Protein backbone atom coordinates (compact mmCIF):
# COMPACT_ATOMS: atom_id res chain seq x y z
CA MET A 1 127.60 76.31 87.37
CA ILE A 2 125.82 78.20 90.06
CA ARG A 3 127.29 78.53 93.54
CA VAL A 4 124.89 78.27 96.47
CA GLY A 5 125.72 79.13 100.06
CA LEU A 6 123.91 76.85 102.50
CA THR A 7 123.87 78.13 106.06
CA GLY A 8 121.89 78.31 109.28
CA GLY A 9 122.29 78.27 113.03
CA ILE A 10 123.79 75.28 114.81
CA ALA A 11 121.46 72.24 114.81
CA ALA A 12 118.96 73.94 112.49
CA GLY A 13 119.07 71.06 109.99
CA LYS A 14 121.75 72.10 107.48
CA SER A 15 123.30 68.64 107.23
CA THR A 16 119.94 67.03 106.50
CA VAL A 17 119.28 69.58 103.77
CA ALA A 18 122.79 69.16 102.34
CA ALA A 19 122.40 65.38 102.21
CA ARG A 20 119.08 65.71 100.38
CA LEU A 21 120.57 68.19 97.90
CA ALA A 22 123.45 65.78 97.26
CA ARG A 23 121.00 62.94 96.70
CA ASN A 24 119.26 65.08 94.09
CA GLY A 25 122.56 65.68 92.31
CA ALA A 26 124.07 68.79 93.87
CA ARG A 27 127.81 68.91 94.49
CA VAL A 28 128.16 69.68 98.20
CA ILE A 29 131.32 71.11 99.75
CA ASP A 30 131.10 70.66 103.52
CA TYR A 31 133.10 73.33 105.33
CA ASP A 32 132.88 71.49 108.64
CA ARG A 33 134.57 68.50 107.02
CA LEU A 34 137.21 70.74 105.47
CA SER A 35 137.88 72.45 108.82
CA HIS A 36 138.40 69.02 110.37
CA GLU A 37 140.72 68.09 107.53
CA VAL A 38 143.01 71.08 108.01
CA ILE A 39 143.64 70.20 111.68
CA ALA A 40 143.80 66.42 111.22
CA PRO A 41 147.23 64.71 111.37
CA GLY A 42 149.36 66.20 108.61
CA GLY A 43 146.89 69.04 107.99
CA PRO A 44 148.20 72.52 107.22
CA GLY A 45 146.50 74.07 110.24
CA VAL A 46 147.97 71.82 112.92
CA GLY A 47 151.21 73.72 113.47
CA PRO A 48 149.68 77.21 113.58
CA VAL A 49 146.83 76.10 115.89
CA LEU A 50 149.12 74.37 118.37
CA GLU A 51 151.53 77.29 118.32
CA ARG A 52 148.69 79.67 119.19
CA PHE A 53 146.69 77.53 121.62
CA GLY A 54 149.33 75.29 123.11
CA ALA A 55 150.57 71.72 122.78
CA ASP A 56 147.91 70.52 125.22
CA CYS A 57 145.42 70.97 122.36
CA GLY A 58 147.21 68.25 120.40
CA ASP A 59 145.64 64.82 120.02
CA GLY A 60 148.88 62.87 120.45
CA HIS A 61 148.76 61.62 116.86
CA GLY A 62 149.92 64.68 114.96
CA GLY A 63 146.59 66.45 114.84
CA VAL A 64 144.49 68.80 116.97
CA ASP A 65 142.16 67.56 119.70
CA ARG A 66 138.93 69.27 118.65
CA SER A 67 137.25 68.74 122.02
CA ALA A 68 140.11 70.41 123.87
CA LEU A 69 140.16 73.23 121.33
CA ALA A 70 136.38 73.74 121.59
CA ALA A 71 136.60 73.93 125.38
CA ARG A 72 139.17 76.68 124.95
CA VAL A 73 137.34 78.81 122.38
CA PHE A 74 133.82 78.44 123.74
CA GLY A 75 134.57 79.12 127.38
CA GLY A 76 136.57 81.45 129.55
CA ALA A 77 137.18 85.16 129.68
CA THR A 78 139.10 85.27 126.38
CA ALA A 79 136.72 83.09 124.34
CA ASP A 80 135.77 85.80 121.85
CA ARG A 81 139.39 86.65 121.09
CA ASP A 82 140.32 82.97 120.95
CA ARG A 83 137.55 82.23 118.44
CA LYS A 84 138.65 85.13 116.26
CA ASP A 85 142.27 83.98 116.33
CA LEU A 86 141.21 80.43 115.46
CA ASP A 87 139.06 81.66 112.57
CA ASP A 88 141.93 83.77 111.25
CA LEU A 89 144.14 80.67 111.20
CA ILE A 90 141.68 78.12 109.84
CA HIS A 91 139.35 79.94 107.46
CA PRO A 92 141.88 80.80 104.71
CA LEU A 93 143.00 77.15 104.62
CA VAL A 94 139.39 75.99 104.33
CA TYR A 95 138.69 78.44 101.52
CA ASP A 96 141.71 77.14 99.59
CA LEU A 97 140.40 73.57 99.86
CA ALA A 98 136.90 74.65 98.84
CA ALA A 99 138.25 76.39 95.73
CA LYS A 100 140.13 73.25 94.75
CA ALA A 101 137.08 71.08 95.36
CA GLU A 102 134.80 73.05 93.05
CA ARG A 103 137.31 73.49 90.24
CA PRO A 104 136.11 70.48 88.16
CA TRP A 105 132.56 71.90 87.99
CA LEU A 106 133.24 75.54 87.13
CA GLU A 107 132.36 75.30 83.43
CA GLY A 108 129.37 72.96 83.65
CA SER A 109 125.71 73.12 84.68
CA GLU A 110 126.31 71.89 88.22
CA VAL A 111 124.64 73.16 91.36
CA VAL A 112 127.60 73.56 93.73
CA VAL A 113 126.58 73.99 97.34
CA HIS A 114 129.00 75.41 99.88
CA GLU A 115 127.71 74.28 103.26
CA VAL A 116 129.05 77.08 105.48
CA PRO A 117 127.73 77.08 109.07
CA LEU A 118 128.91 80.62 109.80
CA LEU A 119 128.37 82.18 106.39
CA THR A 120 126.75 85.31 107.82
CA GLU A 121 129.78 85.93 110.03
CA VAL A 122 132.38 85.38 107.28
CA ARG A 123 130.49 86.71 104.25
CA SER A 124 132.71 89.76 103.88
CA ALA A 125 135.90 87.70 104.03
CA ILE A 126 134.94 84.63 102.04
CA PRO A 127 136.49 84.71 98.54
CA PHE A 128 133.41 83.46 96.68
CA HIS A 129 130.39 85.06 95.10
CA PHE A 130 127.21 83.15 95.85
CA ASP A 131 124.41 83.22 93.31
CA LYS A 132 121.93 82.20 96.00
CA ILE A 133 122.00 81.93 99.80
CA LEU A 134 119.82 79.14 101.22
CA LEU A 135 119.11 79.54 104.93
CA VAL A 136 117.85 76.71 107.15
CA GLU A 137 116.24 78.00 110.33
CA ALA A 138 114.59 76.44 113.38
CA PRO A 139 113.45 77.88 116.73
CA SER A 140 116.08 78.05 119.44
CA GLN A 141 114.24 75.56 121.67
CA VAL A 142 114.24 72.99 118.87
CA ARG A 143 117.95 73.47 118.25
CA ILE A 144 118.78 73.24 121.95
CA ALA A 145 116.82 70.00 122.26
CA ARG A 146 118.70 68.55 119.27
CA MET A 147 122.08 69.48 120.72
CA VAL A 148 121.20 67.96 124.08
CA ASN A 149 119.61 64.78 122.71
CA GLN A 150 121.70 64.15 119.59
CA ARG A 151 125.06 65.77 120.35
CA HIS A 152 125.04 65.07 124.10
CA MET A 153 125.69 68.66 125.10
CA SER A 154 124.50 70.10 128.38
CA GLN A 155 121.73 72.68 128.30
CA SER A 156 124.19 75.45 129.17
CA GLN A 157 126.64 74.34 126.45
CA ALA A 158 123.85 74.38 123.86
CA VAL A 159 122.70 77.84 124.89
CA GLU A 160 126.31 79.08 124.82
CA ARG A 161 126.85 77.75 121.29
CA ILE A 162 123.70 79.47 120.03
CA GLY A 163 124.72 82.68 121.76
CA SER A 164 128.14 82.64 120.07
CA GLN A 165 126.55 82.79 116.60
CA THR A 166 124.92 85.62 114.68
CA ASN A 167 121.24 86.00 115.46
CA SER A 168 118.45 84.79 113.22
CA SER A 169 117.48 88.23 111.91
CA ALA A 170 121.02 88.86 110.63
CA ARG A 171 121.01 85.51 108.82
CA ARG A 172 117.59 86.17 107.30
CA ALA A 173 118.73 89.55 106.00
CA GLN A 174 121.30 87.82 103.77
CA ALA A 175 119.15 84.90 102.61
CA ASP A 176 117.56 84.48 99.18
CA LEU A 177 115.82 81.22 100.09
CA LEU A 178 114.47 80.19 103.50
CA LEU A 179 113.74 76.65 104.64
CA ASP A 180 112.06 75.64 107.91
CA GLY A 181 114.32 73.07 109.58
CA SER A 182 111.73 72.20 112.22
CA GLN A 183 109.07 70.88 109.85
CA PRO A 184 108.39 67.13 109.48
CA ILE A 185 111.14 65.43 107.50
CA GLU A 186 109.00 64.48 104.50
CA GLN A 187 107.78 68.06 104.14
CA MET A 188 111.35 69.28 104.41
CA PHE A 189 112.45 66.90 101.67
CA GLU A 190 109.63 68.14 99.43
CA SER A 191 110.81 71.72 100.00
CA VAL A 192 114.45 70.80 99.30
CA ASP A 193 113.47 68.93 96.12
CA ARG A 194 111.52 71.93 94.86
CA ILE A 195 114.40 74.29 95.61
CA TYR A 196 116.90 71.99 93.90
CA LYS A 197 114.80 71.91 90.71
CA GLU A 198 114.79 75.70 90.66
CA LEU A 199 118.54 75.85 91.25
CA LYS A 200 119.26 73.24 88.59
CA SER A 201 117.21 75.21 86.09
CA LEU A 202 119.21 78.32 86.88
CA ALA A 203 122.47 76.39 86.52
CA GLN A 204 121.47 75.05 83.13
CA GLY A 205 120.46 78.53 81.99
CA SER A 206 123.78 79.92 83.17
CA SER A 207 125.69 77.20 81.36
CA HIS A 208 123.85 77.83 78.08
CA SER A 209 124.52 81.56 78.26
CA ASN A 210 128.30 81.09 78.63
């Protein structure tokens, strides 16, 4: 097995790349999905999050209202501290789920992709070694347009989300592989397919050497 970290700024095209990798045969662990799972009804993060941020962030069904929570941690004078506190509560629970998810593939020749939106920010704390980091990047204006048109954010909300993340140069400094998320979709798929073949070859070589 080789473990690949897939990351990039918000709305850069990570999900499209992850879906293509999965279609090619990669095992994709989606950290966004896991973070939703831990604050869904019955999830291990519900109690701690509501204790820290208040019962008004509950969804009325035993889970956390993600919209209410996002409004809290992406706005206001204490947003930076609130985001850090939220990360400290949620991230360890997500890492536990990710470790369980990849366990069946540890001894094989699988390409296991951890899709981690904020990998640059959490790299020092994440309990995994990545054999390769694949970065998907796109210009800020492209990402803002996607957030406005596809995610129905306001222009100011989109700019705020981008501003809350590590800048592009910091992400590029950690990347082994770079993919342009603004290129036409067919060209992007060709690039992803080529990268997957290289990763699969590395995984098979790693498996044979064990």
